[in-house]
PDB file of N, CA and C in Angstrom:
ATOM      1  N   UNK A   1      74.219 112.017 140.829  1.00  0.00           N
ATOM      2  CA  UNK A   1      74.041 112.525 139.497  1.00  0.00           C
ATOM      3  C   UNK A   1      72.579 112.617 139.134  1.00  0.00           C
ATOM      4  N   UNK A   2      72.347 113.165 137.978  1.00  0.00           N
ATOM      5  CA  UNK A   2      70.983 113.319 137.490  1.00  0.00           C
ATOM      6  C   UNK A   2      70.469 111.994 136.957  1.00  0.00           C
ATOM      7  N   UNK A   3      69.253 111.674 137.343  1.00  0.00           N
ATOM      8  CA  UNK A   3      68.653 110.409 136.955  1.00  0.00           C
ATOM      9  C   UNK A   3      67.702 110.629 135.789  1.00  0.00           C
ATOM     10  N   UNK A   4      67.682 109.678 134.860  1.00  0.00           N
ATOM     11  CA  UNK A   4      66.800 109.732 133.701  1.00  0.00           C
ATOM     12  C   UNK A   4      65.923 108.502 133.663  1.00  0.00           C
ATOM     13  N   UNK A   5      64.717 108.668 133.131  1.00  0.00           N
ATOM     14  CA  UNK A   5      63.829 107.529 132.886  1.00  0.00           C
ATOM     15  C   UNK A   5      63.793 107.332 131.375  1.00  0.00           C
ATOM     16  N   UNK A   6      64.010 106.119 130.934  1.00  0.00           N
ATOM     17  CA  UNK A   6      64.031 105.774 129.523  1.00  0.00           C
ATOM     18  C   UNK A   6      62.850 104.854 129.248  1.00  0.00           C
ATOM     19  N   UNK A   7      62.050 105.192 128.220  1.00  0.00           N
ATOM     20  CA  UNK A   7      60.893 104.364 127.845  1.00  0.00           C
ATOM     21  C   UNK A   7      60.973 104.055 126.359  1.00  0.00           C
ATOM     22  N   UNK A   8      60.342 102.967 125.965  1.00  0.00           N
ATOM     23  CA  UNK A   8      60.245 102.642 124.549  1.00  0.00           C
ATOM     24  C   UNK A   8      59.104 103.425 123.928  1.00  0.00           C
ATOM     25  N   UNK A   9      59.348 103.967 122.721  1.00  0.00           N
ATOM     26  CA  UNK A   9      58.278 104.600 121.967  1.00  0.00           C
ATOM     27  C   UNK A   9      57.341 103.538 121.400  1.00  0.00           C
ATOM     28  N   UNK A  10      56.273 103.968 120.725  1.00  0.00           N
ATOM     29  CA  UNK A  10      55.267 103.023 120.211  1.00  0.00           C
ATOM     30  C   UNK A  10      55.863 102.002 119.239  1.00  0.00           C
ATOM     31  N   UNK A  11      56.697 102.454 118.296  1.00  0.00           N
ATOM     32  CA  UNK A  11      57.293 101.533 117.321  1.00  0.00           C
ATOM     33  C   UNK A  11      58.232 100.537 117.979  1.00  0.00           C
ATOM     34  N   UNK A  12      59.017 101.004 118.936  1.00  0.00           N
ATOM     35  CA  UNK A  12      59.956 100.130 119.634  1.00  0.00           C
ATOM     36  C   UNK A  12      59.211  99.135 120.519  1.00  0.00           C
ATOM     37  N   UNK A  13      58.080  99.545 121.087  1.00  0.00           N
ATOM     38  CA  UNK A  13      57.268  98.608 121.883  1.00  0.00           C
ATOM     39  C   UNK A  13      56.767  97.471 120.999  1.00  0.00           C
ATOM     40  N   UNK A  14      56.351  97.806 119.781  1.00  0.00           N
ATOM     41  CA  UNK A  14      55.885  96.777 118.855  1.00  0.00           C
ATOM     42  C   UNK A  14      57.015  95.809 118.537  1.00  0.00           C
ATOM     43  N   UNK A  15      58.211  96.338 118.280  1.00  0.00           N
ATOM     44  CA  UNK A  15      59.369  95.506 117.949  1.00  0.00           C
ATOM     45  C   UNK A  15      59.778  94.642 119.148  1.00  0.00           C
ATOM     46  N   UNK A  16      59.737  95.232 120.354  1.00  0.00           N
ATOM     47  CA  UNK A  16      60.144  94.530 121.578  1.00  0.00           C
ATOM     48  C   UNK A  16      59.058  93.577 122.077  1.00  0.00           C
ATOM     49  N   UNK A  17      57.824  93.833 121.684  1.00  0.00           N
ATOM     50  CA  UNK A  17      56.730  92.950 122.059  1.00  0.00           C
ATOM     51  C   UNK A  17      55.993  93.362 123.325  1.00  0.00           C
ATOM     52  N   UNK A  18      56.459  94.369 124.012  1.00  0.00           N
ATOM     53  CA  UNK A  18      55.786  94.826 125.230  1.00  0.00           C
ATOM     54  C   UNK A  18      56.329  96.196 125.637  1.00  0.00           C
ATOM     55  N   UNK A  19      55.657  96.822 126.594  1.00  0.00           N
ATOM     56  CA  UNK A  19      56.136  98.092 127.126  1.00  0.00           C
ATOM     57  C   UNK A  19      57.384  97.836 127.970  1.00  0.00           C
ATOM     58  N   UNK A  20      58.225  98.843 128.049  1.00  0.00           N
ATOM     59  CA  UNK A  20      59.419  98.752 128.895  1.00  0.00           C
ATOM     60  C   UNK A  20      59.811 100.153 129.329  1.00  0.00           C
ATOM     61  N   UNK A  21      60.271 100.264 130.559  1.00  0.00           N
ATOM     62  CA  UNK A  21      60.894 101.502 131.019  1.00  0.00           C
ATOM     63  C   UNK A  21      61.935 101.166 132.069  1.00  0.00           C
ATOM     64  N   UNK A  22      62.944 102.012 132.177  1.00  0.00           N
ATOM     65  CA  UNK A  22      64.002 101.818 133.145  1.00  0.00           C
ATOM     66  C   UNK A  22      64.605 103.159 133.519  1.00  0.00           C
ATOM     67  N   UNK A  23      65.400 103.151 134.562  1.00  0.00           N
ATOM     68  CA  UNK A  23      66.064 104.380 134.997  1.00  0.00           C
ATOM     69  C   UNK A  23      67.570 104.190 134.929  1.00  0.00           C
ATOM     70  N   UNK A  24      68.273 105.308 134.759  1.00  0.00           N
ATOM     71  CA  UNK A  24      69.722 105.261 134.681  1.00  0.00           C
ATOM     72  C   UNK A  24      70.317 106.646 134.761  1.00  0.00           C
ATOM     73  N   UNK A  25      71.620 106.727 134.537  1.00  0.00           N
ATOM     74  CA  UNK A  25      72.374 107.972 134.634  1.00  0.00           C
ATOM     75  C   UNK A  25      73.141 108.215 133.347  1.00  0.00           C
ATOM     76  N   UNK A  26      73.256 109.471 132.930  1.00  0.00           N
ATOM     77  CA  UNK A  26      74.038 109.815 131.749  1.00  0.00           C
ATOM     78  C   UNK A  26      75.512 109.584 132.061  1.00  0.00           C
ATOM     79  N   UNK A  27      76.132 108.750 131.262  1.00  0.00           N
ATOM     80  CA  UNK A  27      77.550 108.422 131.454  1.00  0.00           C
ATOM     81  C   UNK A  27      78.425 109.298 130.556  1.00  0.00           C
ATOM     82  N   UNK A  28      77.913 109.631 129.374  1.00  0.00           N
ATOM     83  CA  UNK A  28      78.679 110.474 128.464  1.00  0.00           C
ATOM     84  C   UNK A  28      77.869 110.809 127.225  1.00  0.00           C
ATOM     85  N   UNK A  29      78.321 111.844 126.507  1.00  0.00           N
ATOM     86  CA  UNK A  29      77.705 112.237 125.239  1.00  0.00           C
ATOM     87  C   UNK A  29      78.823 112.279 124.204  1.00  0.00           C
ATOM     88  N   UNK A  30      78.681 111.481 123.149  1.00  0.00           N
ATOM     89  CA  UNK A  30      79.706 111.359 122.127  1.00  0.00           C
ATOM     90  C   UNK A  30      79.081 111.539 120.748  1.00  0.00           C
ATOM     91  N   UNK A  31      79.509 112.563 120.023  1.00  0.00           N
ATOM     92  CA  UNK A  31      79.019 112.835 118.658  1.00  0.00           C
ATOM     93  C   UNK A  31      77.492 112.818 118.582  1.00  0.00           C
ATOM     94  N   UNK A  32      76.837 113.443 119.542  1.00  0.00           N
ATOM     95  CA  UNK A  32      75.381 113.536 119.522  1.00  0.00           C
ATOM     96  C   UNK A  32      74.664 112.319 120.078  1.00  0.00           C
ATOM     97  N   UNK A  33      75.385 111.264 120.433  1.00  0.00           N
ATOM     98  CA  UNK A  33      74.754 110.083 121.024  1.00  0.00           C
ATOM     99  C   UNK A  33      74.977 110.099 122.526  1.00  0.00           C
ATOM    100  N   UNK A  34      73.950 109.715 123.269  1.00  0.00           N
ATOM    101  CA  UNK A  34      74.008 109.739 124.722  1.00  0.00           C
ATOM    102  C   UNK A  34      74.235 108.328 125.241  1.00  0.00           C
ATOM    103  N   UNK A  35      75.251 108.164 126.077  1.00  0.00           N
ATOM    104  CA  UNK A  35      75.511 106.872 126.713  1.00  0.00           C
ATOM    105  C   UNK A  35      74.906 106.917 128.112  1.00  0.00           C
ATOM    106  N   UNK A  36      73.989 105.996 128.384  1.00  0.00           N
ATOM    107  CA  UNK A  36      73.295 105.959 129.671  1.00  0.00           C
ATOM    108  C   UNK A  36      73.607 104.647 130.371  1.00  0.00           C
ATOM    109  N   UNK A  37      74.004 104.733 131.636  1.00  0.00           N
ATOM    110  CA  UNK A  37      74.219 103.539 132.453  1.00  0.00           C
ATOM    111  C   UNK A  37      72.897 103.227 133.143  1.00  0.00           C
ATOM    112  N   UNK A  38      72.318 102.084 132.784  1.00  0.00           N
ATOM    113  CA  UNK A  38      70.989 101.731 133.280  1.00  0.00           C
ATOM    114  C   UNK A  38      71.078 100.897 134.547  1.00  0.00           C
ATOM    115  N   UNK A  39      70.079 101.075 135.412  1.00  0.00           N
ATOM    116  CA  UNK A  39      69.931 100.218 136.593  1.00  0.00           C
ATOM    117  C   UNK A  39      69.146  98.991 136.150  1.00  0.00           C
ATOM    118  N   UNK A  40      69.462  97.853 136.684  1.00  0.00           N
ATOM    119  CA  UNK A  40      68.725  96.635 136.327  1.00  0.00           C
ATOM    120  C   UNK A  40      69.298  95.988 135.077  1.00  0.00           C
ATOM    121  N   UNK A  41      68.846  94.783 134.770  1.00  0.00           N
ATOM    122  CA  UNK A  41      69.437  94.037 133.676  1.00  0.00           C
ATOM    123  C   UNK A  41      68.544  93.764 132.493  1.00  0.00           C
ATOM    124  N   UNK A  42      67.255  94.086 132.541  1.00  0.00           N
ATOM    125  CA  UNK A  42      66.323  93.750 131.467  1.00  0.00           C
ATOM    126  C   UNK A  42      66.206  94.901 130.468  1.00  0.00           C
ATOM    127  N   UNK A  43      67.328  95.337 129.909  1.00  0.00           N
ATOM    128  CA  UNK A  43      67.330  96.468 128.980  1.00  0.00           C
ATOM    129  C   UNK A  43      67.278  95.940 127.554  1.00  0.00           C
ATOM    130  N   UNK A  44      66.326  96.428 126.735  1.00  0.00           N
ATOM    131  CA  UNK A  44      66.263  95.971 125.331  1.00  0.00           C
ATOM    132  C   UNK A  44      67.402  96.589 124.517  1.00  0.00           C
ATOM    133  N   UNK A  45      68.546  95.924 124.509  1.00  0.00           N
ATOM    134  CA  UNK A  45      69.748  96.487 123.900  1.00  0.00           C
ATOM    135  C   UNK A  45      69.815  96.327 122.388  1.00  0.00           C
ATOM    136  N   UNK A  46      68.868  95.628 121.785  1.00  0.00           N
ATOM    137  CA  UNK A  46      68.852  95.466 120.322  1.00  0.00           C
ATOM    138  C   UNK A  46      68.151  96.636 119.639  1.00  0.00           C
ATOM    139  N   UNK A  47      67.487  97.477 120.416  1.00  0.00           N
ATOM    140  CA  UNK A  47      66.749  98.608 119.862  1.00  0.00           C
ATOM    141  C   UNK A  47      67.611  99.864 120.009  1.00  0.00           C
ATOM    142  N   UNK A  48      67.819 100.573 118.896  1.00  0.00           N
ATOM    143  CA  UNK A  48      68.671 101.757 118.917  1.00  0.00           C
ATOM    144  C   UNK A  48      67.886 103.052 118.746  1.00  0.00           C
ATOM    145  N   UNK A  49      66.641 102.974 118.294  1.00  0.00           N
ATOM    146  CA  UNK A  49      65.831 104.166 118.033  1.00  0.00           C
ATOM    147  C   UNK A  49      64.497 104.077 118.769  1.00  0.00           C
ATOM    148  N   UNK A  50      63.788 105.192 118.781  1.00  0.00           N
ATOM    149  CA  UNK A  50      62.428 105.292 119.307  1.00  0.00           C
ATOM    150  C   UNK A  50      62.354 105.094 120.819  1.00  0.00           C
ATOM    151  N   UNK A  51      63.260 105.758 121.519  1.00  0.00           N
ATOM    152  CA  UNK A  51      63.208 105.802 122.976  1.00  0.00           C
ATOM    153  C   UNK A  51      62.690 107.165 123.409  1.00  0.00           C
ATOM    154  N   UNK A  52      61.993 107.222 124.498  1.00  0.00           N
ATOM    155  CA  UNK A  52      61.570 108.478 125.116  1.00  0.00           C
ATOM    156  C   UNK A  52      62.395 108.660 126.376  1.00  0.00           C
ATOM    157  N   UNK A  53      62.909 109.865 126.597  1.00  0.00           N
ATOM    158  CA  UNK A  53      63.747 110.143 127.753  1.00  0.00           C
ATOM    159  C   UNK A  53      63.084 111.211 128.604  1.00  0.00           C
ATOM    160  N   UNK A  54      62.970 110.949 129.895  1.00  0.00           N
ATOM    161  CA  UNK A  54      62.422 111.918 130.844  1.00  0.00           C
ATOM    162  C   UNK A  54      63.464 112.182 131.913  1.00  0.00           C
ATOM    163  N   UNK A  55      63.591 113.443 132.280  1.00  0.00           N
ATOM    164  CA  UNK A  55      64.487 113.827 133.366  1.00  0.00           C
ATOM    165  C   UNK A  55      63.751 113.644 134.686  1.00  0.00           C
ATOM    166  N   UNK A  56      64.357 112.972 135.649  1.00  0.00           N
ATOM    167  CA  UNK A  56      63.756 112.777 136.967  1.00  0.00           C
ATOM    168  C   UNK A  56      64.373 113.807 137.903  1.00  0.00           C
ATOM    169  N   UNK A  57      63.553 114.773 138.308  1.00  0.00           N
ATOM    170  CA  UNK A  57      64.037 115.841 139.180  1.00  0.00           C
ATOM    171  C   UNK A  57      63.973 115.389 140.625  1.00  0.00           C
ATOM    172  N   UNK A  58      65.092 115.490 141.301  1.00  0.00           N
ATOM    173  CA  UNK A  58      65.144 115.167 142.724  1.00  0.00           C
ATOM    174  C   UNK A  58      65.273 116.485 143.470  1.00  0.00           C
ATOM    175  N   UNK A  59      64.407 116.710 144.418  1.00  0.00           N
ATOM    176  CA  UNK A  59      64.332 118.011 145.078  1.00  0.00           C
ATOM    177  C   UNK A  59      65.203 118.121 146.323  1.00  0.00           C
ATOM    178  N   UNK A  60      66.127 117.204 146.537  1.00  0.00           N
ATOM    179  CA  UNK A  60      66.922 117.195 147.767  1.00  0.00           C
ATOM    180  C   UNK A  60      67.652 118.516 147.989  1.00  0.00           C
ATOM    181  N   UNK A  61      68.415 118.988 147.011  1.00  0.00           N
ATOM    182  CA  UNK A  61      69.162 120.243 147.167  1.00  0.00           C
ATOM    183  C   UNK A  61      68.214 121.415 147.356  1.00  0.00           C
ATOM    184  N   UNK A  62      67.152 121.444 146.565  1.00  0.00           N
ATOM    185  CA  UNK A  62      66.166 122.514 146.670  1.00  0.00           C
ATOM    186  C   UNK A  62      65.531 122.518 148.055  1.00  0.00           C
ATOM    187  N   UNK A  63      65.146 121.344 148.544  1.00  0.00           N
ATOM    188  CA  UNK A  63      64.532 121.241 149.874  1.00  0.00           C
ATOM    189  C   UNK A  63      65.477 121.731 150.963  1.00  0.00           C
ATOM    190  N   UNK A  64      66.758 121.385 150.848  1.00  0.00           N
ATOM    191  CA  UNK A  64      67.742 121.820 151.841  1.00  0.00           C
ATOM    192  C   UNK A  64      67.903 123.345 151.820  1.00  0.00           C
ATOM    193  N   UNK A  65      67.953 123.922 150.621  1.00  0.00           N
ATOM    194  CA  UNK A  65      68.082 125.385 150.525  1.00  0.00           C
ATOM    195  C   UNK A  65      66.846 126.078 151.085  1.00  0.00           C
ATOM    196  N   UNK A  66      65.669 125.559 150.748  1.00  0.00           N
ATOM    197  CA  UNK A  66      64.428 126.141 151.256  1.00  0.00           C
ATOM    198  C   UNK A  66      64.387 126.070 152.774  1.00  0.00           C
ATOM    199  N   UNK A  67      64.773 124.945 153.336  1.00  0.00           N
ATOM    200  CA  UNK A  67      64.777 124.766 154.785  1.00  0.00           C
ATOM    201  C   UNK A  67      65.762 125.727 155.453  1.00  0.00           C
ATOM    202  N   UNK A  68      66.939 125.899 154.839  1.00  0.00           N
ATOM    203  CA  UNK A  68      67.938 126.820 155.393  1.00  0.00           C
ATOM    204  C   UNK A  68      67.437 128.258 155.360  1.00  0.00           C
ATOM    205  N   UNK A  69      66.800 128.665 154.260  1.00  0.00           N
ATOM    206  CA  UNK A  69      66.266 130.025 154.164  1.00  0.00           C
ATOM    207  C   UNK A  69      65.137 130.252 155.164  1.00  0.00           C
ATOM    208  N   UNK A  70      64.303 129.234 155.342  1.00  0.00           N
ATOM    209  CA  UNK A  70      63.211 129.338 156.313  1.00  0.00           C
ATOM    210  C   UNK A  70      63.775 129.484 157.722  1.00  0.00           C
ATOM    211  N   UNK A  71      64.775 128.671 158.054  1.00  0.00           N
ATOM    212  CA  UNK A  71      65.409 128.751 159.368  1.00  0.00           C
ATOM    213  C   UNK A  71      66.042 130.115 159.566  1.00  0.00           C
ATOM    214  N   UNK A  72      66.728 130.616 158.532  1.00  0.00           N
ATOM    215  CA  UNK A  72      67.379 131.924 158.595  1.00  0.00           C
ATOM    216  C   UNK A  72      66.353 133.029 158.859  1.00  0.00           C
ATOM    217  N   UNK A  73      65.188 132.935 158.210  1.00  0.00           N
ATOM    218  CA  UNK A  73      64.172 133.985 158.330  1.00  0.00           C
ATOM    219  C   UNK A  73      63.402 133.918 159.643  1.00  0.00           C
ATOM    220  N   UNK A  74      63.190 132.718 160.181  1.00  0.00           N
ATOM    221  CA  UNK A  74      62.300 132.552 161.332  1.00  0.00           C
ATOM    222  C   UNK A  74      63.041 132.409 162.653  1.00  0.00           C
ATOM    223  N   UNK A  75      64.132 131.647 162.659  1.00  0.00           N
ATOM    224  CA  UNK A  75      64.828 131.324 163.909  1.00  0.00           C
ATOM    225  C   UNK A  75      65.851 132.399 164.252  1.00  0.00           C
ATOM    226  N   UNK A  76      65.590 133.153 165.308  1.00  0.00           N
ATOM    227  CA  UNK A  76      66.488 134.238 165.711  1.00  0.00           C
ATOM    228  C   UNK A  76      67.852 133.741 166.170  1.00  0.00           C
ATOM    229  N   UNK A  77      67.947 132.471 166.524  1.00  0.00           N
ATOM    230  CA  UNK A  77      69.217 131.942 167.024  1.00  0.00           C
ATOM    231  C   UNK A  77      70.028 131.233 165.938  1.00  0.00           C
ATOM    232  N   UNK A  78      69.548 131.240 164.678  1.00  0.00           N
ATOM    233  CA  UNK A  78      70.275 130.523 163.617  1.00  0.00           C
ATOM    234  C   UNK A  78      71.607 131.194 163.287  1.00  0.00           C
ATOM    235  N   UNK A  79      71.664 132.509 163.328  1.00  0.00           N
ATOM    236  CA  UNK A  79      72.909 133.257 163.125  1.00  0.00           C
ATOM    237  C   UNK A  79      72.882 134.473 164.050  1.00  0.00           C
ATOM    238  N   UNK A  80      74.034 135.088 164.238  1.00  0.00           N
ATOM    239  CA  UNK A  80      74.085 136.283 165.081  1.00  0.00           C
ATOM    240  C   UNK A  80      73.412 137.445 164.359  1.00  0.00           C
ATOM    241  N   UNK A  81      73.025 138.441 165.108  1.00  0.00           N
ATOM    242  CA  UNK A  81      72.421 139.629 164.524  1.00  0.00           C
ATOM    243  C   UNK A  81      73.345 140.300 163.528  1.00  0.00           C
ATOM    244  N   UNK A  82      74.633 140.317 163.853  1.00  0.00           N
ATOM    245  CA  UNK A  82      75.617 140.923 162.957  1.00  0.00           C
ATOM    246  C   UNK A  82      75.627 140.222 161.597  1.00  0.00           C
ATOM    247  N   UNK A  83      75.683 138.873 161.610  1.00  0.00           N
ATOM    248  CA  UNK A  83      75.702 138.108 160.354  1.00  0.00           C
ATOM    249  C   UNK A  83      74.370 138.276 159.620  1.00  0.00           C
ATOM    250  N   UNK A  84      73.266 138.226 160.345  1.00  0.00           N
ATOM    251  CA  UNK A  84      71.932 138.370 159.756  1.00  0.00           C
ATOM    252  C   UNK A  84      71.841 139.680 158.974  1.00  0.00           C
ATOM    253  N   UNK A  85      72.175 140.790 159.623  1.00  0.00           N
ATOM    254  CA  UNK A  85      72.049 142.091 158.968  1.00  0.00           C
ATOM    255  C   UNK A  85      73.097 142.286 157.878  1.00  0.00           C
ATOM    256  N   UNK A  86      74.284 141.721 158.055  1.00  0.00           N
ATOM    257  CA  UNK A  86      75.321 141.807 157.014  1.00  0.00           C
ATOM    258  C   UNK A  86      74.865 141.093 155.744  1.00  0.00           C
ATOM    259  N   UNK A  87      74.292 139.889 155.896  1.00  0.00           N
ATOM    260  CA  UNK A  87      73.821 139.135 154.732  1.00  0.00           C
ATOM    261  C   UNK A  87      72.688 139.850 154.002  1.00  0.00           C
ATOM    262  N   UNK A  88      71.868 140.572 154.760  1.00  0.00           N
ATOM    263  CA  UNK A  88      70.760 141.300 154.146  1.00  0.00           C
ATOM    264  C   UNK A  88      71.193 142.652 153.583  1.00  0.00           C
ATOM    265  N   UNK A  89      72.470 143.009 153.780  1.00  0.00           N
ATOM    266  CA  UNK A  89      72.989 144.250 153.220  1.00  0.00           C
ATOM    267  C   UNK A  89      72.699 145.482 154.053  1.00  0.00           C
ATOM    268  N   UNK A  90      72.299 145.286 155.303  1.00  0.00           N
ATOM    269  CA  UNK A  90      72.041 146.423 156.180  1.00  0.00           C
ATOM    270  C   UNK A  90      73.364 146.991 156.672  1.00  0.00           C
ATOM    271  N   UNK A  91      73.404 148.298 156.916  1.00  0.00           N
ATOM    272  CA  UNK A  91      74.646 148.864 157.470  1.00  0.00           C
ATOM    273  C   UNK A  91      74.844 148.389 158.910  1.00  0.00           C
ATOM    274  N   UNK A  92      75.998 147.825 159.187  1.00  0.00           N
ATOM    275  CA  UNK A  92      76.308 147.347 160.540  1.00  0.00           C
ATOM    276  C   UNK A  92      77.711 147.797 160.907  1.00  0.00           C
ATOM    277  N   UNK A  93      77.911 148.017 162.176  1.00  0.00           N
ATOM    278  CA  UNK A  93      79.246 148.367 162.643  1.00  0.00           C
ATOM    279  C   UNK A  93      80.092 147.102 162.731  1.00  0.00           C
ATOM    280  N   UNK A  94      81.343 147.224 162.326  1.00  0.00           N
ATOM    281  CA  UNK A  94      82.251 146.083 162.405  1.00  0.00           C
ATOM    282  C   UNK A  94      82.448 145.711 163.866  1.00  0.00           C
ATOM    283  N   UNK A  95      82.395 144.414 164.143  1.00  0.00           N
ATOM    284  CA  UNK A  95      82.559 143.945 165.516  1.00  0.00           C
ATOM    285  C   UNK A  95      83.913 143.284 165.665  1.00  0.00           C
ATOM    286  N   UNK A  96      84.595 143.664 166.692  1.00  0.00           N
ATOM    287  CA  UNK A  96      85.900 143.075 166.995  1.00  0.00           C
ATOM    288  C   UNK A  96      85.715 141.987 168.038  1.00  0.00           C
ATOM    289  N   UNK A  97      86.451 140.910 167.892  1.00  0.00           N
ATOM    290  CA  UNK A  97      86.431 139.843 168.880  1.00  0.00           C
ATOM    291  C   UNK A  97      87.582 140.111 169.844  1.00  0.00           C
ATOM    292  N   UNK A  98      87.247 140.295 171.102  1.00  0.00           N
ATOM    293  CA  UNK A  98      88.235 140.723 172.093  1.00  0.00           C
ATOM    294  C   UNK A  98      89.393 139.735 172.239  1.00  0.00           C
ATOM    295  N   UNK A  99      89.112 138.447 172.117  1.00  0.00           N
ATOM    296  CA  UNK A  99      90.160 137.450 172.351  1.00  0.00           C
ATOM    297  C   UNK A  99      90.867 137.018 171.072  1.00  0.00           C
ATOM    298  N   UNK A 100      90.491 137.584 169.932  1.00  0.00           N
ATOM    299  CA  UNK A 100      91.109 137.188 168.667  1.00  0.00           C
ATOM    300  C   UNK A 100      92.548 137.687 168.606  1.00  0.00           C
ATOM    301  N   UNK A 101      93.442 136.786 168.206  1.00  0.00           N
ATOM    302  CA  UNK A 101      94.849 137.136 168.105  1.00  0.00           C
ATOM    303  C   UNK A 101      95.427 136.398 166.902  1.00  0.00           C
ATOM    304  N   UNK A 102      96.081 137.119 166.035  1.00  0.00           N
ATOM    305  CA  UNK A 102      96.712 136.519 164.867  1.00  0.00           C
ATOM    306  C   UNK A 102      98.060 135.944 165.291  1.00  0.00           C
ATOM    307  N   UNK A 103      98.317 134.675 164.996  1.00  0.00           N
ATOM    308  CA  UNK A 103      99.598 134.069 165.364  1.00  0.00           C
ATOM    309  C   UNK A 103     100.765 134.822 164.732  1.00  0.00           C
ATOM    310  N   UNK A 104     101.813 134.996 165.496  1.00  0.00           N
ATOM    311  CA  UNK A 104     102.974 135.766 165.047  1.00  0.00           C
ATOM    312  C   UNK A 104     103.957 134.915 164.249  1.00  0.00           C
ATOM    313  N   UNK A 105     103.979 133.604 164.472  1.00  0.00           N
ATOM    314  CA  UNK A 105     104.951 132.756 163.771  1.00  0.00           C
ATOM    315  C   UNK A 105     104.268 131.475 163.292  1.00  0.00           C
ATOM    316  N   UNK A 106     104.967 130.746 162.412  1.00  0.00           N
ATOM    317  CA  UNK A 106     104.438 129.476 161.895  1.00  0.00           C
ATOM    318  C   UNK A 106     104.191 128.464 163.000  1.00  0.00           C
ATOM    319  N   UNK A 107     105.029 128.477 164.026  1.00  0.00           N
ATOM    320  CA  UNK A 107     104.892 127.526 165.123  1.00  0.00           C
ATOM    321  C   UNK A 107     103.590 127.751 165.898  1.00  0.00           C
ATOM    322  N   UNK A 108     103.125 128.996 165.951  1.00  0.00           N
ATOM    323  CA  UNK A 108     101.887 129.290 166.673  1.00  0.00           C
ATOM    324  C   UNK A 108     100.653 128.795 165.925  1.00  0.00           C
ATOM    325  N   UNK A 109     100.802 128.500 164.627  1.00  0.00           N
ATOM    326  CA  UNK A 109      99.702 127.939 163.851  1.00  0.00           C
ATOM    327  C   UNK A 109      99.557 126.443 164.109  1.00  0.00           C
ATOM    328  N   UNK A 110     100.575 125.814 164.635  1.00  0.00           N
ATOM    329  CA  UNK A 110     100.599 124.368 164.829  1.00  0.00           C
ATOM    330  C   UNK A 110      99.646 123.952 165.956  1.00  0.00           C
ATOM    331  N   UNK A 111      99.023 122.784 165.757  1.00  0.00           N
ATOM    332  CA  UNK A 111      98.142 122.195 166.760  1.00  0.00           C
ATOM    333  C   UNK A 111      98.679 120.805 167.066  1.00  0.00           C
ATOM    334  N   UNK A 112      98.907 120.492 168.333  1.00  0.00           N
ATOM    335  CA  UNK A 112      99.445 119.171 168.684  1.00  0.00           C
ATOM    336  C   UNK A 112      98.543 118.042 168.164  1.00  0.00           C
ATOM    337  N   UNK A 113      99.166 117.059 167.538  1.00  0.00           N
ATOM    338  CA  UNK A 113      98.425 115.893 167.043  1.00  0.00           C
ATOM    339  C   UNK A 113      97.859 116.068 165.649  1.00  0.00           C
ATOM    340  N   UNK A 114      97.969 117.257 165.047  1.00  0.00           N
ATOM    341  CA  UNK A 114      97.457 117.485 163.696  1.00  0.00           C
ATOM    342  C   UNK A 114      98.614 117.820 162.765  1.00  0.00           C
ATOM    343  N   UNK A 115      98.460 117.521 161.464  1.00  0.00           N
ATOM    344  CA  UNK A 115      99.530 117.844 160.529  1.00  0.00           C
ATOM    345  C   UNK A 115      99.661 119.367 160.376  1.00  0.00           C
ATOM    346  N   UNK A 116     100.836 119.848 159.953  1.00  0.00           N
ATOM    347  CA  UNK A 116     101.018 121.289 159.803  1.00  0.00           C
ATOM    348  C   UNK A 116     100.105 121.838 158.698  1.00  0.00           C
ATOM    349  N   UNK A 117      99.776 123.123 158.819  1.00  0.00           N
ATOM    350  CA  UNK A 117      98.923 123.772 157.814  1.00  0.00           C
ATOM    351  C   UNK A 117      99.705 124.037 156.539  1.00  0.00           C
ATOM    352  N   UNK A 118      98.986 124.067 155.415  1.00  0.00           N
ATOM    353  CA  UNK A 118      99.591 124.452 154.142  1.00  0.00           C
ATOM    354  C   UNK A 118      99.855 125.954 154.178  1.00  0.00           C
ATOM    355  N   UNK A 119     100.724 126.413 153.291  1.00  0.00           N
ATOM    356  CA  UNK A 119     101.052 127.839 153.240  1.00  0.00           C
ATOM    357  C   UNK A 119      99.792 128.683 152.979  1.00  0.00           C
ATOM    358  N   UNK A 120      98.910 128.188 152.089  1.00  0.00           N
ATOM    359  CA  UNK A 120      97.695 128.954 151.764  1.00  0.00           C
ATOM    360  C   UNK A 120      96.743 129.036 152.970  1.00  0.00           C
ATOM    361  N   UNK A 121      96.796 128.063 153.871  1.00  0.00           N
ATOM    362  CA  UNK A 121      95.926 128.067 155.047  1.00  0.00           C
ATOM    363  C   UNK A 121      96.409 129.060 156.091  1.00  0.00           C
ATOM    364  N   UNK A 122      97.666 129.466 156.017  1.00  0.00           N
ATOM    365  CA  UNK A 122      98.206 130.396 157.001  1.00  0.00           C
ATOM    366  C   UNK A 122      98.082 131.851 156.564  1.00  0.00           C
ATOM    367  N   UNK A 123      97.615 132.097 155.336  1.00  0.00           N
ATOM    368  CA  UNK A 123      97.485 133.478 154.851  1.00  0.00           C
ATOM    369  C   UNK A 123      96.284 134.165 155.459  1.00  0.00           C
TER     370      UNK A 123
END
């Protein structure tokens, strides 16, 4: 989930007697109030106002997408030429797989040792 950093504002620091900050996750929003589950135990729970909230951006998903796009653009072996040009919207001839065969009956969909497929998986 998205992580937040919570800090005491100037007035709350005076009331609490010192600076404080912690991190946590949004648990819910109820009637305009935000419920945050905090990490750690030293949370000034007597203070209800004058908090500063910062969103902590984690770039994991972004980094993975960037890496995948870079691989797609640079590595000729990342996908077949057909898939590469299809994704880029280039006109390509449809390719048939010589050994591809659609099962004729439900029994042909079965694999020994695995549970049977759902009806939607056989469509």
